[in-house]
Amino acid sequence: MAIYLKRGDNAEAFDRAKVEATVSAMLEDIRVNREDAVLKYARDLDKWNNPQIRISDDRIRQVEAMLPETWKDDVAYAITQVQDFARAQKATMEELEIELRPGVVLGHKHIPVTSVGCYTPGGKYPLVAGAFMTVGTASVAGVENIIGCAPPRDADGMYPQTLYTMKAAGGHAFYSLGGAQALAAMAYGCFDMPECDIICGPGNPFVAAAKRQLFGVCGIDLPAGPTEVLIIADGTIDAALVATDLLGQAEHGPDTPVWLIVLDEAFGRAVIAEVEKQLVTLPTREIAAVAWKNNGEVVVASDREEACDLSDAYAAEHLELLTGEDDWYFDRLKNYGSLFIGEESTVAYGDKGVGTNHTLPTGRAARFTGGLWVGKFLKTCTYQRLTPEASRHIAPIMSRIAEGEGMLAHALTADVRYTRFAPKNETES
């Protein structure tokens, strides 16, 4: 039986009903009034009074010239990692064509969506890495139109590092536009944007609500909520490292869940003590301390099997294995967004560009989906091709199924082919 040494209240840091209602009204306003409504929200919410939303080529060149070469080299490394991994994933997606019966050829092919809108948040932290996770992966998929949006930071618009990264990762057009209004503008094709087939990227509760409500108008990457980390630790890795990795995620925000599963109560208490010790000097302690107080959980599992069951129930966005039996856990665990195996790895590597995508399922969505990957921007479309003989053979079967459903017009489309493709001697007789 699991024992909790610490529980979080898991309370949302916002009024969900109010957020949903506010976003619903904004989206309808933008759907009807388009650019005028977008500019109004840009002025009111982001203090952006410039009607010029699209970023000029001159500004892009200016940013490219002003940023340090070392920083650009680091971004190039991370983009290469993410895109090389995406290319390797894409290579596993083989197209298919098979003749299941004589003359019945069935297949599928992978077709990139035409337009993708990529959002990179710019609030508490300008999450620059998000730009190459979305833009860079869409580029590898072969998307023709990749739009990048991020909130204006000052009178010059989008955070320069974000703009540079979007361009370097393969984006085509960029807009200083934040929040729900950015998502709506991309979905509805405001200004000179195309109507985006998919909108993607993380953001605050208003952005998350906009994505949920716009699903159907366009596709989305996946539902998003506060980022999460869960660590399974059996005491073979020191408590100080475990605490450091918990706090590494806690700085995201006061509503960030940080969870720990241990197999020994004494070790669990040692980690709790180490977290409190490290919080004293942590540069972002004002945020991390609230996340730990309100959403930190430490649970003692009776054995490793129960530890896995607990982890799968949490279905965490990020899951770290800091055990002496990482391979055993790797074979057993089922529900997680991305897995970080061993003390040599950490969530920050995945977040900032080791190569796997950091756009991952939260809120237990890892029970039914993985994270963003190149396949999200590719439609797997089926096709069929039949010979006349095969069509005649299959026609009566399909006709009888249609008749059994009462769909007589469907049955007729099969019946006419049975006659049309009859052998000459049969039709003549």
Protein backbone atom coordinates (compact mmCIF):
# COMPACT_ATOMS: atom_id res chain seq x y z
CA MET A 1 0.00 0.00 0.00
CA ALA A 2 1.44 3.34 -1.05
CA ILE A 3 2.16 5.90 1.68
CA TYR A 4 2.21 9.64 0.90
CA LEU A 5 4.91 11.60 2.71
CA LYS A 6 3.72 14.79 1.02
CA ARG A 7 0.63 15.62 -0.98
CA GLY A 8 -0.18 18.53 -3.27
CA ASP A 9 -3.58 20.12 -3.51
CA ASN A 10 -3.39 20.14 -7.33
CA ALA A 11 -5.61 23.22 -7.38
CA GLU A 12 -5.66 25.14 -10.64
CA ALA A 13 -4.18 28.60 -10.38
CA PHE A 14 -6.97 30.09 -12.49
CA ASP A 15 -10.75 30.05 -12.87
CA ARG A 16 -11.21 27.57 -15.71
CA ALA A 17 -14.84 28.47 -16.42
CA LYS A 18 -13.98 32.16 -16.62
CA VAL A 19 -11.01 31.50 -18.92
CA GLU A 20 -13.09 29.32 -21.23
CA ALA A 21 -15.86 31.93 -21.44
CA THR A 22 -13.41 34.77 -22.07
CA VAL A 23 -11.65 32.85 -24.83
CA SER A 24 -14.94 31.80 -26.42
CA ALA A 25 -16.01 35.45 -26.72
CA MET A 26 -12.60 36.43 -28.14
CA LEU A 27 -12.65 33.72 -30.78
CA GLU A 28 -16.13 34.64 -31.95
CA ASP A 29 -15.14 38.30 -32.11
CA ILE A 30 -12.08 37.44 -34.21
CA ARG A 31 -14.04 35.08 -36.44
CA VAL A 32 -16.48 37.86 -37.27
CA ASN A 33 -14.32 40.99 -37.14
CA ARG A 34 -10.98 39.41 -38.05
CA GLU A 35 -8.03 41.86 -38.18
CA ASP A 36 -9.83 44.66 -36.34
CA ALA A 37 -10.54 42.36 -33.41
CA VAL A 38 -7.00 40.91 -33.40
CA LEU A 39 -5.47 44.39 -33.29
CA LYS A 40 -7.83 45.39 -30.48
CA TYR A 41 -6.71 42.46 -28.32
CA ALA A 42 -3.07 43.10 -29.21
CA ARG A 43 -3.46 46.67 -27.93
CA ASP A 44 -5.43 45.77 -24.81
CA LEU A 45 -3.56 42.63 -23.74
CA ASP A 46 -0.03 43.03 -25.09
CA LYS A 47 0.20 46.86 -25.25
CA TRP A 48 1.05 46.55 -28.96
CA ASN A 49 -0.13 49.68 -30.73
CA ASN A 50 1.63 49.05 -34.02
CA PRO A 51 -0.74 47.90 -36.79
CA GLN A 52 2.27 46.20 -38.40
CA ILE A 53 1.95 42.65 -37.10
CA ARG A 54 4.10 40.82 -39.63
CA ILE A 55 7.83 41.10 -39.00
CA SER A 56 9.79 42.55 -41.90
CA ASP A 57 12.78 41.00 -43.61
CA ASP A 58 14.84 43.99 -42.50
CA ARG A 59 14.07 43.25 -38.85
CA ILE A 60 14.97 39.59 -39.35
CA ARG A 61 18.33 40.56 -40.85
CA GLN A 62 18.91 43.05 -38.02
CA VAL A 63 18.33 40.36 -35.41
CA GLU A 64 20.57 37.90 -37.23
CA ALA A 65 23.38 40.47 -37.13
CA MET A 66 22.98 41.49 -33.48
CA LEU A 67 22.92 38.10 -31.74
CA PRO A 68 26.18 36.56 -30.44
CA GLU A 69 27.73 33.89 -32.66
CA THR A 70 28.13 31.52 -29.71
CA TRP A 71 24.41 31.68 -29.03
CA LYS A 72 23.61 31.11 -32.70
CA ASP A 73 25.97 28.12 -32.75
CA ASP A 74 24.20 26.63 -29.74
CA VAL A 75 20.80 27.08 -31.39
CA ALA A 76 22.12 25.53 -34.60
CA TYR A 77 23.27 22.50 -32.60
CA ALA A 78 19.87 22.09 -30.96
CA ILE A 79 18.00 22.55 -34.26
CA THR A 80 20.19 19.91 -35.88
CA GLN A 81 19.52 17.48 -33.04
CA VAL A 82 15.75 17.97 -33.19
CA GLN A 83 15.56 17.86 -36.98
CA ASP A 84 17.88 14.87 -37.36
CA PHE A 85 15.72 12.93 -34.89
CA ALA A 86 12.58 14.02 -36.74
CA ARG A 87 14.11 12.84 -40.04
CA ALA A 88 14.92 9.49 -38.47
CA GLN A 89 11.34 9.21 -37.22
CA LYS A 90 10.01 10.13 -40.66
CA ALA A 91 12.16 7.41 -42.21
CA THR A 92 10.26 4.81 -40.16
CA MET A 93 6.97 5.88 -41.78
CA GLU A 94 7.00 3.68 -44.83
CA GLU A 95 4.43 4.11 -47.55
CA LEU A 96 2.41 1.02 -48.35
CA GLU A 97 0.96 -0.64 -51.43
CA ILE A 98 -0.25 -4.21 -51.34
CA GLU A 99 -2.35 -6.45 -53.61
CA LEU A 100 -4.53 -8.19 -51.03
CA ARG A 101 -6.53 -10.14 -53.60
CA PRO A 102 -5.90 -10.50 -57.34
CA GLY A 103 -6.54 -7.08 -58.86
CA VAL A 104 -7.29 -5.35 -55.51
CA VAL A 105 -4.46 -2.93 -54.77
CA LEU A 106 -4.65 -1.00 -51.49
CA GLY A 107 -2.18 1.48 -50.09
CA HIS A 108 -1.40 4.55 -48.10
CA LYS A 109 0.87 7.54 -48.58
CA HIS A 110 2.04 10.29 -46.24
CA ILE A 111 1.06 13.81 -47.31
CA PRO A 112 2.24 16.90 -45.40
CA VAL A 113 -0.43 19.36 -44.33
CA THR A 114 -0.18 22.62 -46.27
CA SER A 115 -0.01 25.23 -43.50
CA VAL A 116 1.02 25.10 -39.85
CA GLY A 117 0.82 27.86 -37.24
CA CYS A 118 3.49 27.62 -34.53
CA TYR A 119 3.08 29.53 -31.27
CA THR A 120 5.97 30.26 -28.91
CA PRO A 121 5.05 31.81 -25.55
CA GLY A 122 6.82 34.91 -24.31
CA GLY A 123 5.54 35.53 -20.80
CA LYS A 124 7.54 34.75 -17.68
CA TYR A 125 10.16 32.99 -19.79
CA PRO A 126 10.51 33.37 -23.57
CA LEU A 127 10.67 29.65 -24.32
CA VAL A 128 12.92 29.95 -27.36
CA ALA A 129 13.41 26.19 -27.61
CA GLY A 130 9.71 25.83 -28.38
CA ALA A 131 10.35 27.50 -31.73
CA PHE A 132 12.54 24.75 -33.12
CA MET A 133 10.41 22.02 -31.55
CA THR A 134 7.40 23.14 -33.62
CA VAL A 135 8.79 25.05 -36.61
CA GLY A 136 11.77 22.73 -37.05
CA THR A 137 9.67 19.57 -36.95
CA ALA A 138 7.07 20.95 -39.36
CA SER A 139 9.89 21.86 -41.74
CA VAL A 140 11.20 18.28 -41.75
CA ALA A 141 7.67 17.06 -42.48
CA GLY A 142 7.66 19.17 -45.66
CA VAL A 143 4.99 21.71 -44.70
CA GLU A 144 4.77 24.45 -47.37
CA ASN A 145 3.69 27.36 -45.15
CA ILE A 146 5.06 27.58 -41.61
CA ILE A 147 3.83 30.58 -39.63
CA GLY A 148 5.49 31.65 -36.38
CA CYS A 149 3.79 33.79 -33.73
CA ALA A 150 5.08 35.05 -30.39
CA PRO A 151 4.03 37.96 -28.18
CA PRO A 152 5.74 41.34 -28.53
CA ARG A 153 8.31 41.92 -25.78
CA ASP A 154 8.85 45.63 -26.37
CA ALA A 155 8.53 48.28 -29.09
CA ASP A 156 10.57 46.09 -31.46
CA GLY A 157 8.09 43.22 -31.22
CA MET A 158 8.92 39.56 -30.78
CA TYR A 159 11.82 38.51 -28.54
CA PRO A 160 14.87 38.59 -30.87
CA GLN A 161 16.12 35.11 -29.96
CA THR A 162 12.70 33.64 -30.67
CA LEU A 163 12.50 35.34 -34.06
CA TYR A 164 15.99 34.19 -35.01
CA THR A 165 15.22 30.62 -33.98
CA MET A 166 11.95 30.46 -35.91
CA LYS A 167 13.76 31.62 -39.04
CA ALA A 168 16.74 29.32 -38.54
CA ALA A 169 14.45 26.32 -37.97
CA GLY A 170 12.71 26.79 -41.33
CA GLY A 171 9.79 29.14 -40.72
CA HIS A 172 8.40 31.26 -43.57
CA ALA A 173 6.55 34.22 -42.01
CA PHE A 174 6.58 35.66 -38.50
CA TYR A 175 4.18 37.81 -36.49
CA SER A 176 4.46 39.75 -33.23
CA LEU A 177 1.22 38.42 -31.84
CA GLY A 178 0.48 36.68 -28.56
CA GLY A 179 -2.21 34.87 -26.64
CA ALA A 180 -5.53 33.50 -27.83
CA GLN A 181 -5.63 36.16 -30.55
CA ALA A 182 -2.52 34.67 -32.14
CA LEU A 183 -4.05 31.20 -32.25
CA ALA A 184 -7.29 32.56 -33.72
CA ALA A 185 -5.46 34.65 -36.33
CA MET A 186 -3.56 31.57 -37.52
CA ALA A 187 -6.66 29.38 -37.54
CA TYR A 188 -8.83 31.90 -39.40
CA GLY A 189 -6.12 33.21 -41.74
CA CYS A 190 -6.07 36.84 -40.63
CA PHE A 191 -3.79 39.47 -42.13
CA ASP A 192 -1.82 37.75 -44.89
CA MET A 193 -1.63 34.38 -43.14
CA PRO A 194 -3.05 31.28 -44.77
CA GLU A 195 -5.74 29.45 -42.83
CA CYS A 196 -3.56 27.05 -40.88
CA ASP A 197 -4.38 23.35 -41.03
CA ILE A 198 -2.76 22.76 -37.63
CA ILE A 199 -1.90 25.14 -34.80
CA CYS A 200 0.64 24.03 -32.23
CA GLY A 201 2.80 25.07 -29.33
CA PRO A 202 2.47 25.62 -25.56
CA GLY A 203 1.12 28.63 -23.73
CA ASN A 204 -0.81 29.98 -20.75
CA PRO A 205 -4.37 28.87 -19.83
CA PHE A 206 -5.87 31.28 -22.39
CA VAL A 207 -3.72 29.82 -25.16
CA ALA A 208 -4.58 26.28 -24.08
CA ALA A 209 -8.29 27.12 -24.05
CA ALA A 210 -8.04 28.69 -27.51
CA LYS A 211 -6.45 25.53 -28.89
CA ARG A 212 -9.16 23.33 -27.41
CA GLN A 213 -11.95 25.56 -28.75
CA LEU A 214 -10.39 25.94 -32.20
CA PHE A 215 -10.03 22.18 -32.64
CA GLY A 216 -12.31 21.34 -35.54
CA VAL A 217 -11.73 24.69 -37.21
CA CYS A 218 -8.21 23.31 -37.58
CA GLY A 219 -6.12 20.57 -36.03
CA ILE A 220 -4.03 21.00 -32.89
CA ASP A 221 -0.89 19.27 -31.68
CA LEU A 222 -2.29 18.09 -28.32
CA PRO A 223 -4.00 19.47 -25.21
CA ALA A 224 -1.59 21.36 -22.98
CA GLY A 225 -1.59 22.26 -19.30
CA PRO A 226 1.01 23.04 -16.66
CA THR A 227 4.24 21.14 -17.25
CA GLU A 228 4.86 18.08 -15.04
CA VAL A 229 7.75 15.95 -13.83
CA LEU A 230 7.69 12.62 -12.04
CA ILE A 231 10.82 10.87 -10.77
CA ILE A 232 11.10 7.24 -9.72
CA ALA A 233 14.09 6.92 -7.40
CA ASP A 234 15.10 3.88 -5.36
CA GLY A 235 17.92 5.46 -3.34
CA THR A 236 20.78 4.35 -5.57
CA ILE A 237 21.13 7.94 -6.82
CA ASP A 238 21.80 10.59 -4.17
CA ALA A 239 18.93 12.66 -2.79
CA ALA A 240 20.62 15.92 -3.80
CA LEU A 241 20.39 15.12 -7.53
CA VAL A 242 16.78 13.99 -7.21
CA ALA A 243 15.90 17.26 -5.47
CA THR A 244 17.72 19.30 -8.09
CA ASP A 245 15.73 17.70 -10.90
CA LEU A 246 12.42 18.22 -9.10
CA LEU A 247 13.19 21.91 -8.62
CA GLY A 248 14.39 22.21 -12.20
CA GLN A 249 10.79 21.79 -13.34
CA ALA A 250 9.20 23.59 -10.40
CA GLU A 251 10.51 26.94 -11.66
CA HIS A 252 8.11 26.79 -14.62
CA GLY A 253 5.25 28.15 -12.55
CA PRO A 254 3.34 27.95 -9.27
CA ASP A 255 0.91 25.41 -10.72
CA THR A 256 3.64 22.99 -11.89
CA PRO A 257 3.24 19.47 -10.45
CA VAL A 258 6.48 17.86 -9.22
CA TRP A 259 6.09 14.25 -8.15
CA LEU A 260 8.42 11.66 -6.63
CA ILE A 261 7.95 7.93 -6.15
CA VAL A 262 10.40 6.18 -3.85
CA LEU A 263 10.71 2.67 -2.43
CA ASP A 264 12.00 3.69 0.97
CA GLU A 265 10.50 6.17 3.42
CA ALA A 266 13.85 7.33 4.80
CA PHE A 267 15.07 8.18 1.31
CA GLY A 268 11.84 10.02 0.53
CA ARG A 269 12.26 12.15 3.64
CA ALA A 270 15.88 12.80 2.70
CA VAL A 271 14.77 14.16 -0.68
CA ILE A 272 12.16 16.40 0.97
CA ALA A 273 14.83 17.80 3.29
CA GLU A 274 17.18 18.35 0.34
CA VAL A 275 14.49 20.21 -1.62
CA GLU A 276 13.94 22.57 1.31
CA LYS A 277 17.70 23.08 1.63
CA GLN A 278 18.19 23.84 -2.08
CA LEU A 279 15.23 26.21 -2.16
CA VAL A 280 17.10 28.58 0.16
CA THR A 281 19.61 29.45 -2.58
CA LEU A 282 17.65 28.62 -5.73
CA PRO A 283 17.60 31.69 -8.03
CA THR A 284 13.96 31.11 -8.96
CA ARG A 285 12.84 30.02 -5.48
CA GLU A 286 9.88 32.44 -5.38
CA ILE A 287 8.20 30.41 -8.11
CA ALA A 288 9.62 26.96 -7.36
CA ALA A 289 8.77 27.13 -3.66
CA VAL A 290 5.09 27.72 -4.41
CA ALA A 291 5.01 24.87 -6.92
CA TRP A 292 6.66 22.53 -4.41
CA LYS A 293 4.38 23.62 -1.56
CA ASN A 294 1.14 23.40 -3.53
CA ASN A 295 1.82 20.67 -6.09
CA GLY A 296 4.76 18.63 -4.80
CA GLU A 297 4.03 15.01 -3.94
CA VAL A 298 6.23 12.28 -2.47
CA VAL A 299 4.86 8.75 -2.26
CA VAL A 300 6.45 5.55 -0.97
CA ALA A 301 5.65 2.46 -3.03
CA SER A 302 5.76 -0.96 -1.40
CA ASP A 303 7.77 -2.43 -4.29
CA ARG A 304 8.87 -1.66 -7.82
CA GLU A 305 5.68 -3.11 -9.34
CA GLU A 306 3.57 -0.70 -7.30
CA ALA A 307 5.95 2.11 -8.26
CA CYS A 308 5.20 1.40 -11.93
CA ASP A 309 1.47 1.22 -11.32
CA LEU A 310 1.56 4.57 -9.52
CA SER A 311 3.64 6.13 -12.28
CA ASP A 312 1.28 4.90 -14.99
CA ALA A 313 -1.65 6.36 -13.03
CA TYR A 314 0.07 9.76 -12.89
CA ALA A 315 0.86 9.47 -16.66
CA ALA A 316 3.36 12.29 -16.30
CA GLU A 317 4.57 14.54 -19.07
CA HIS A 318 8.22 14.00 -18.10
CA LEU A 319 9.31 10.82 -16.33
CA GLU A 320 12.83 10.36 -14.94
CA LEU A 321 14.29 7.01 -13.88
CA LEU A 322 16.93 7.41 -11.19
CA THR A 323 17.21 3.79 -10.09
CA GLY A 324 19.58 0.87 -10.09
CA GLU A 325 17.22 -1.04 -12.37
CA ASP A 326 16.40 1.44 -15.10
CA ASP A 327 16.08 -1.22 -17.82
CA TRP A 328 13.50 -3.13 -15.77
CA TYR A 329 11.38 -0.01 -15.39
CA PHE A 330 11.86 0.90 -19.05
CA ASP A 331 10.36 -2.45 -20.10
CA ARG A 332 7.44 -2.17 -17.67
CA LEU A 333 6.25 1.47 -17.81
CA LYS A 334 3.48 2.44 -20.24
CA ASN A 335 2.23 5.98 -19.62
CA TYR A 336 4.54 8.97 -20.02
CA GLY A 337 5.15 11.82 -22.44
CA SER A 338 8.91 11.38 -22.61
CA LEU A 339 11.27 9.18 -20.59
CA PHE A 340 14.65 10.22 -19.19
CA ILE A 341 16.70 7.17 -18.28
CA GLY A 342 19.49 7.34 -15.71
CA GLU A 343 21.34 10.10 -13.91
CA GLU A 344 23.17 11.05 -17.12
CA SER A 345 19.91 12.45 -18.51
CA THR A 346 17.58 15.18 -17.27
CA VAL A 347 14.36 16.84 -18.35
CA ALA A 348 16.23 20.04 -19.21
CA TYR A 349 18.05 18.17 -22.00
CA GLY A 350 14.75 17.28 -23.64
CA ASP A 351 13.35 20.74 -23.03
CA LYS A 352 16.27 22.58 -24.62
CA GLY A 353 17.33 20.47 -27.57
CA VAL A 354 18.84 17.02 -27.04
CA GLY A 355 16.68 15.94 -29.97
CA THR A 356 13.37 14.55 -28.72
CA ASN A 357 10.42 16.94 -28.92
CA HIS A 358 9.45 18.81 -25.76
CA THR A 359 5.82 19.42 -26.77
CA LEU A 360 4.31 16.63 -24.66
CA PRO A 361 0.98 15.51 -23.17
CA THR A 362 0.00 16.77 -19.72
CA GLY A 363 -2.96 16.22 -17.42
CA ARG A 364 -2.80 12.39 -17.80
CA ALA A 365 -3.16 12.66 -21.58
CA ALA A 366 -0.10 10.39 -21.84
CA ARG A 367 -2.54 7.53 -21.28
CA PHE A 368 -3.71 7.94 -24.88
CA THR A 369 -1.15 9.99 -26.81
CA GLY A 370 2.53 10.65 -27.17
CA GLY A 371 4.07 14.04 -27.83
CA LEU A 372 4.50 16.15 -30.93
CA TRP A 373 6.51 14.44 -33.67
CA VAL A 374 7.03 14.70 -37.39
CA GLY A 375 4.09 12.39 -38.06
CA LYS A 376 1.70 14.97 -36.59
CA PHE A 377 2.21 17.13 -39.67
CA LEU A 378 1.73 14.22 -42.08
CA LYS A 379 -1.63 12.83 -43.11
CA THR A 380 -1.61 9.08 -43.74
CA CYS A 381 -4.08 8.83 -46.62
CA THR A 382 -5.31 5.56 -48.03
CA TYR A 383 -6.15 4.71 -51.64
CA GLN A 384 -7.43 1.78 -53.68
CA ARG A 385 -7.05 0.67 -57.27
CA LEU A 386 -8.94 -2.31 -58.77
CA THR A 387 -8.90 -4.15 -62.05
CA PRO A 388 -12.24 -4.62 -63.84
CA GLU A 389 -12.23 -8.31 -62.86
CA ALA A 390 -11.60 -7.50 -59.20
CA SER A 391 -14.32 -4.83 -59.17
CA ARG A 392 -16.84 -7.29 -60.60
CA HIS A 393 -15.82 -9.90 -58.04
CA ILE A 394 -16.21 -7.62 -55.05
CA ALA A 395 -19.34 -5.77 -56.25
CA PRO A 396 -22.01 -8.25 -55.12
CA ILE A 397 -20.43 -8.58 -51.68
CA MET A 398 -20.40 -4.85 -51.13
CA SER A 399 -23.92 -4.57 -52.57
CA ARG A 400 -25.32 -7.10 -50.12
CA ILE A 401 -23.66 -5.32 -47.17
CA ALA A 402 -25.13 -2.01 -48.34
CA GLU A 403 -28.59 -3.53 -48.77
CA GLY A 404 -28.36 -4.98 -45.27
CA GLU A 405 -27.83 -1.44 -43.99
CA GLY A 406 -30.73 -0.11 -46.05
CA MET A 407 -28.37 2.01 -48.17
CA LEU A 408 -29.80 1.11 -51.56
CA ALA A 409 -28.07 3.89 -53.52
CA HIS A 410 -24.74 2.57 -52.25
CA ALA A 411 -25.76 -0.89 -53.42
CA LEU A 412 -26.59 0.46 -56.88
CA THR A 413 -23.06 1.88 -57.30
CA ALA A 414 -21.75 -1.65 -56.81
CA ASP A 415 -24.44 -3.28 -58.98
CA VAL A 416 -23.71 -1.11 -62.01
CA ARG A 417 -20.06 -2.12 -61.82
CA TYR A 418 -21.00 -5.79 -61.68
CA THR A 419 -22.77 -5.29 -65.00
CA ARG A 420 -20.28 -2.85 -66.49
CA PHE A 421 -17.34 -5.19 -66.00
CA ALA A 422 -19.04 -8.40 -67.05
CA PRO A 423 -17.15 -10.49 -69.63
CA LYS A 424 -18.26 -9.79 -73.21
CA ASN A 425 -19.69 -13.22 -73.80
CA GLU A 426 -21.77 -12.96 -70.64
CA THR A 427 -23.28 -9.57 -71.58
CA GLU A 428 -23.93 -10.72 -75.15
CA SER A 429 -25.71 -13.86 -74.01
